Amino acid sequence: MLLSLKRFYHRQRIKANQESAPLLACWDNSHYNFSGDWRDQEFLVADTETSGLNVDEGELLSIGWVVVSGGQIKLDSARHILLTPEESVGQSASIHLIRDCELEDGICPSEMMREFLQVAAGKVLVFHHASLDIGFLDLWSKRLYGSRLLLPISDTLELEKRKILRKEDAIPNGALRLGGCRERYGLPDYPAHNALVDALATAELLVAHAVHKSSKVKTRELLEIL
């Protein structure tokens, strides 16, 4: 309900701006049943690589995503996009291994956002540690369309955090890293810091979390932001 009210408010401000059409179309084509079984809801699981750890200093370098539908990961929906930054990737290359020369043929953020919003319509966004990823996506949404994305979000890090704290008083060191969360479900270890690989790893974690939670998990139980 709160998300719907926020959308209504922002729609009044941006609806006259033709450049806001991609975001408005995404909102118009988004319908959810949060009280229904989670397998009846589609999810768009995404990950980003950036040149910095906050939106004030870094740039978006790549994004990867995959759709979860009917409780299954749809590998044919997998997408990996490189973006052309305004500045050099700098020291961040030592983490994500993306070099400046590989980004020369990347696309612009506006093109990426149009494609992302088309796929995101009607889906719950999923990230592992959502604040960083959604921060950069919201930044571009505001620059291009005049509003944050205002889409429902599931954060597998927060889901696992709540699960641990129901059983323990403190969270063990490294337990909330993507690899650490996957290990508790017997999922294999994947190389980190590739946006598509991390998106696939997060999608597997989401499915594992929901399946192990119970046989009657509602979509609402997997949401972090409504």
Protein backbone atom coordinates (compact mmCIF):
# COMPACT_ATOMS: atom_id res chain seq x y z
CA MET A 1 0.00 0.00 0.00
CA LEU A 2 2.78 2.45 0.91
CA LEU A 3 4.54 1.73 -2.38
CA SER A 4 1.32 2.42 -4.30
CA LEU A 5 0.88 5.75 -2.53
CA LYS A 6 4.44 6.77 -3.33
CA ARG A 7 3.92 5.86 -6.97
CA PHE A 8 0.69 7.90 -7.07
CA TYR A 9 2.48 10.95 -5.69
CA HIS A 10 5.44 10.70 -8.07
CA ARG A 11 3.21 9.92 -11.04
CA GLN A 12 1.53 13.32 -10.66
CA ARG A 13 4.93 15.02 -10.86
CA ILE A 14 6.38 13.15 -13.84
CA LYS A 15 3.42 12.09 -15.99
CA ALA A 16 3.67 15.18 -18.22
CA ASN A 17 7.31 14.42 -19.01
CA GLN A 18 7.57 12.19 -22.07
CA GLU A 19 11.04 11.06 -21.00
CA SER A 20 9.44 9.36 -17.97
CA ALA A 21 7.47 6.97 -20.21
CA PRO A 22 9.65 3.85 -19.56
CA LEU A 23 9.16 4.09 -15.79
CA LEU A 24 5.46 4.89 -16.05
CA ALA A 25 4.96 1.93 -18.42
CA CYS A 26 6.70 -0.35 -15.93
CA TRP A 27 4.37 0.83 -13.15
CA ASP A 28 1.29 0.48 -15.36
CA ASN A 29 2.23 -3.10 -16.28
CA SER A 30 3.03 -4.18 -12.72
CA HIS A 31 0.43 -6.17 -10.80
CA TYR A 32 1.24 -8.25 -7.73
CA ASN A 33 -0.40 -10.71 -5.36
CA PHE A 34 1.78 -10.46 -2.29
CA SER A 35 -0.55 -12.66 -0.23
CA GLY A 36 -0.32 -15.52 -2.75
CA ASP A 37 2.15 -18.39 -2.99
CA TRP A 38 5.65 -17.15 -3.86
CA ARG A 39 5.80 -19.50 -6.84
CA ASP A 40 2.92 -17.58 -8.42
CA GLN A 41 5.00 -14.38 -8.39
CA GLU A 42 7.81 -13.61 -10.84
CA PHE A 43 11.11 -12.23 -9.53
CA LEU A 44 13.87 -10.37 -11.33
CA VAL A 45 17.13 -11.23 -9.58
CA ALA A 46 19.89 -8.73 -10.35
CA ASP A 47 23.41 -7.74 -9.39
CA THR A 48 25.63 -4.82 -10.34
CA GLU A 49 29.34 -4.08 -10.44
CA THR A 50 30.42 -0.53 -9.76
CA SER A 51 33.60 1.54 -9.54
CA GLY A 52 32.83 2.61 -5.97
CA LEU A 53 30.86 1.60 -2.92
CA ASN A 54 28.50 4.58 -2.91
CA VAL A 55 26.59 6.50 -5.55
CA ASP A 56 28.39 9.75 -4.79
CA GLU A 57 31.78 8.38 -5.83
CA GLY A 58 31.28 5.33 -8.05
CA GLU A 59 29.76 4.57 -11.42
CA LEU A 60 27.66 1.66 -12.64
CA LEU A 61 29.88 -0.61 -14.76
CA SER A 62 27.81 -3.74 -15.36
CA ILE A 63 24.52 -5.37 -14.48
CA GLY A 64 23.35 -8.95 -14.70
CA TRP A 65 19.91 -10.40 -14.16
CA VAL A 66 17.82 -13.54 -14.42
CA VAL A 67 14.11 -14.22 -13.94
CA VAL A 68 12.64 -16.65 -11.40
CA SER A 69 9.17 -17.80 -12.46
CA GLY A 70 7.07 -20.61 -11.01
CA GLY A 71 9.78 -21.15 -8.41
CA GLN A 72 12.32 -21.97 -11.14
CA ILE A 73 15.28 -20.05 -12.53
CA LYS A 74 14.77 -19.28 -16.21
CA LEU A 75 18.27 -19.45 -17.66
CA ASP A 76 17.08 -18.25 -21.06
CA SER A 77 16.23 -14.92 -19.40
CA ALA A 78 19.82 -14.35 -18.24
CA ARG A 79 21.32 -11.03 -19.36
CA HIS A 80 24.71 -9.42 -18.76
CA ILE A 81 25.28 -5.80 -19.78
CA LEU A 82 28.45 -3.71 -19.73
CA LEU A 83 28.10 0.06 -19.50
CA THR A 84 30.45 2.78 -20.66
CA PRO A 85 31.48 4.91 -17.64
CA GLU A 86 32.42 8.56 -17.71
CA GLU A 87 35.63 7.92 -15.78
CA SER A 88 38.21 5.13 -15.54
CA VAL A 89 37.32 2.06 -13.46
CA GLY A 90 40.44 2.78 -11.41
CA GLN A 91 41.37 0.52 -8.51
CA SER A 92 37.96 -1.18 -8.60
CA ALA A 93 39.25 -3.34 -11.48
CA SER A 94 41.16 -5.41 -8.92
CA ILE A 95 37.80 -6.54 -7.48
CA HIS A 96 35.47 -7.06 -10.45
CA LEU A 97 38.26 -7.56 -13.07
CA ILE A 98 36.49 -5.29 -15.55
CA ARG A 99 39.01 -3.23 -17.50
CA ASP A 100 38.45 0.09 -19.25
CA CYS A 101 39.06 -1.50 -22.65
CA GLU A 102 36.20 -3.95 -22.06
CA LEU A 103 33.78 -1.11 -21.43
CA GLU A 104 34.54 0.81 -24.63
CA ASP A 105 31.73 -1.05 -26.42
CA GLY A 106 29.34 -0.85 -23.47
CA ILE A 107 25.93 0.73 -23.75
CA CYS A 108 24.73 3.94 -22.10
CA PRO A 109 22.76 3.82 -18.82
CA SER A 110 19.59 5.14 -20.48
CA GLU A 111 19.53 2.19 -22.88
CA MET A 112 20.17 -0.25 -20.05
CA MET A 113 17.44 1.28 -17.90
CA ARG A 114 14.86 1.01 -20.70
CA GLU A 115 15.62 -2.68 -21.11
CA PHE A 116 15.71 -3.27 -17.35
CA LEU A 117 12.31 -1.64 -16.81
CA GLN A 118 10.72 -3.67 -19.59
CA VAL A 119 11.86 -6.89 -17.92
CA ALA A 120 11.09 -5.65 -14.38
CA ALA A 121 7.40 -4.94 -15.04
CA GLY A 122 5.27 -7.04 -12.70
CA LYS A 123 8.27 -8.63 -10.99
CA VAL A 124 9.73 -8.33 -7.50
CA LEU A 125 13.35 -7.15 -7.64
CA VAL A 126 15.83 -9.34 -5.77
CA PHE A 127 19.37 -8.45 -4.68
CA HIS A 128 21.89 -9.68 -2.14
CA HIS A 129 22.61 -6.57 -0.08
CA ALA A 130 20.10 -4.48 -1.97
CA SER A 131 21.08 -1.01 -0.74
CA LEU A 132 24.12 -0.70 -3.02
CA ASP A 133 22.49 -2.06 -6.19
CA ILE A 134 19.20 -0.21 -5.77
CA GLY A 135 21.11 2.96 -4.89
CA PHE A 136 22.74 3.09 -8.31
CA LEU A 137 19.57 2.04 -10.15
CA ASP A 138 17.51 4.63 -8.27
CA LEU A 139 20.11 7.27 -9.09
CA TRP A 140 19.73 6.66 -12.81
CA SER A 141 15.97 6.39 -12.53
CA LYS A 142 15.85 9.82 -10.91
CA ARG A 143 18.22 11.30 -13.49
CA LEU A 144 16.33 9.89 -16.45
CA TYR A 145 12.70 9.80 -15.27
CA GLY A 146 12.46 12.07 -12.24
CA SER A 147 11.60 9.37 -9.70
CA ARG A 148 13.07 6.37 -7.90
CA LEU A 149 12.10 2.96 -9.28
CA LEU A 150 9.53 2.32 -6.52
CA LEU A 151 9.36 -1.41 -7.18
CA PRO A 152 8.97 -4.11 -4.49
CA ILE A 153 12.30 -5.54 -3.33
CA SER A 154 13.50 -8.75 -1.75
CA ASP A 155 16.97 -8.77 -0.17
CA THR A 156 18.40 -12.27 0.34
CA LEU A 157 20.95 -10.88 2.79
CA GLU A 158 18.17 -9.53 5.02
CA LEU A 159 16.17 -12.76 4.67
CA GLU A 160 19.15 -14.78 5.85
CA LYS A 161 19.91 -12.28 8.62
CA ARG A 162 16.41 -12.66 10.03
CA LYS A 163 16.68 -16.42 9.79
CA ILE A 164 19.97 -16.51 11.71
CA LEU A 165 18.80 -14.13 14.43
CA ARG A 166 15.76 -16.30 15.12
CA LYS A 167 18.17 -19.01 16.27
CA GLU A 168 21.25 -17.13 17.46
CA ASP A 169 22.06 -13.97 19.43
CA ALA A 170 24.77 -12.80 17.04
CA ILE A 171 25.68 -13.27 13.41
CA PRO A 172 28.94 -15.18 12.80
CA ASN A 173 31.61 -13.39 10.81
CA GLY A 174 31.08 -13.87 7.08
CA ALA A 175 27.73 -15.61 7.54
CA LEU A 176 25.87 -13.03 5.46
CA ARG A 177 28.22 -13.00 2.50
CA LEU A 178 26.64 -14.50 -0.59
CA GLY A 179 28.98 -17.47 -0.49
CA GLY A 180 28.41 -18.01 3.23
CA CYS A 181 24.63 -17.95 2.80
CA ARG A 182 24.81 -20.42 -0.10
CA GLU A 183 27.03 -22.76 1.87
CA ARG A 184 24.32 -23.27 4.51
CA TYR A 185 22.07 -24.74 1.80
CA GLY A 186 24.76 -26.91 0.25
CA LEU A 187 24.95 -24.74 -2.86
CA PRO A 188 28.26 -24.77 -4.77
CA ASP A 189 30.85 -22.03 -4.54
CA TYR A 190 30.83 -19.66 -7.53
CA PRO A 191 33.45 -17.06 -8.52
CA ALA A 192 32.39 -13.69 -7.11
CA HIS A 193 32.20 -10.19 -8.60
CA ASN A 194 30.71 -10.96 -11.97
CA ALA A 195 27.26 -9.38 -12.16
CA LEU A 196 25.56 -12.24 -14.00
CA VAL A 197 27.22 -15.00 -11.97
CA ASP A 198 26.27 -13.21 -8.75
CA ALA A 199 22.70 -12.73 -10.00
CA LEU A 200 22.43 -16.47 -10.73
CA ALA A 201 23.95 -17.26 -7.34
CA THR A 202 21.43 -14.97 -5.64
CA ALA A 203 18.56 -16.53 -7.59
CA GLU A 204 19.61 -19.99 -6.39
CA LEU A 205 19.81 -18.65 -2.84
CA LEU A 206 16.32 -17.14 -3.07
CA VAL A 207 14.83 -20.43 -4.27
CA ALA A 208 16.71 -22.42 -1.61
CA HIS A 209 15.59 -20.04 1.13
CA ALA A 210 11.94 -20.23 0.09
CA VAL A 211 11.94 -24.03 -0.33
CA HIS A 212 13.59 -24.58 3.05
CA LYS A 213 11.36 -22.05 4.80
CA SER A 214 8.14 -24.04 4.35
CA SER A 215 5.87 -25.52 1.72
CA LYS A 216 3.47 -22.56 1.90
CA VAL A 217 5.62 -19.45 1.67
CA LYS A 218 3.76 -16.30 0.70
CA THR A 219 5.40 -13.68 -1.50
CA ARG A 220 4.99 -11.13 1.29
CA GLU A 221 7.31 -13.21 3.50
CA LEU A 222 10.16 -12.72 1.04
CA LEU A 223 9.80 -8.97 0.69
CA GLU A 224 12.02 -6.36 2.24
CA ILE A 225 10.43 -3.22 0.75
CA LEU A 226 6.79 -2.87 -0.25
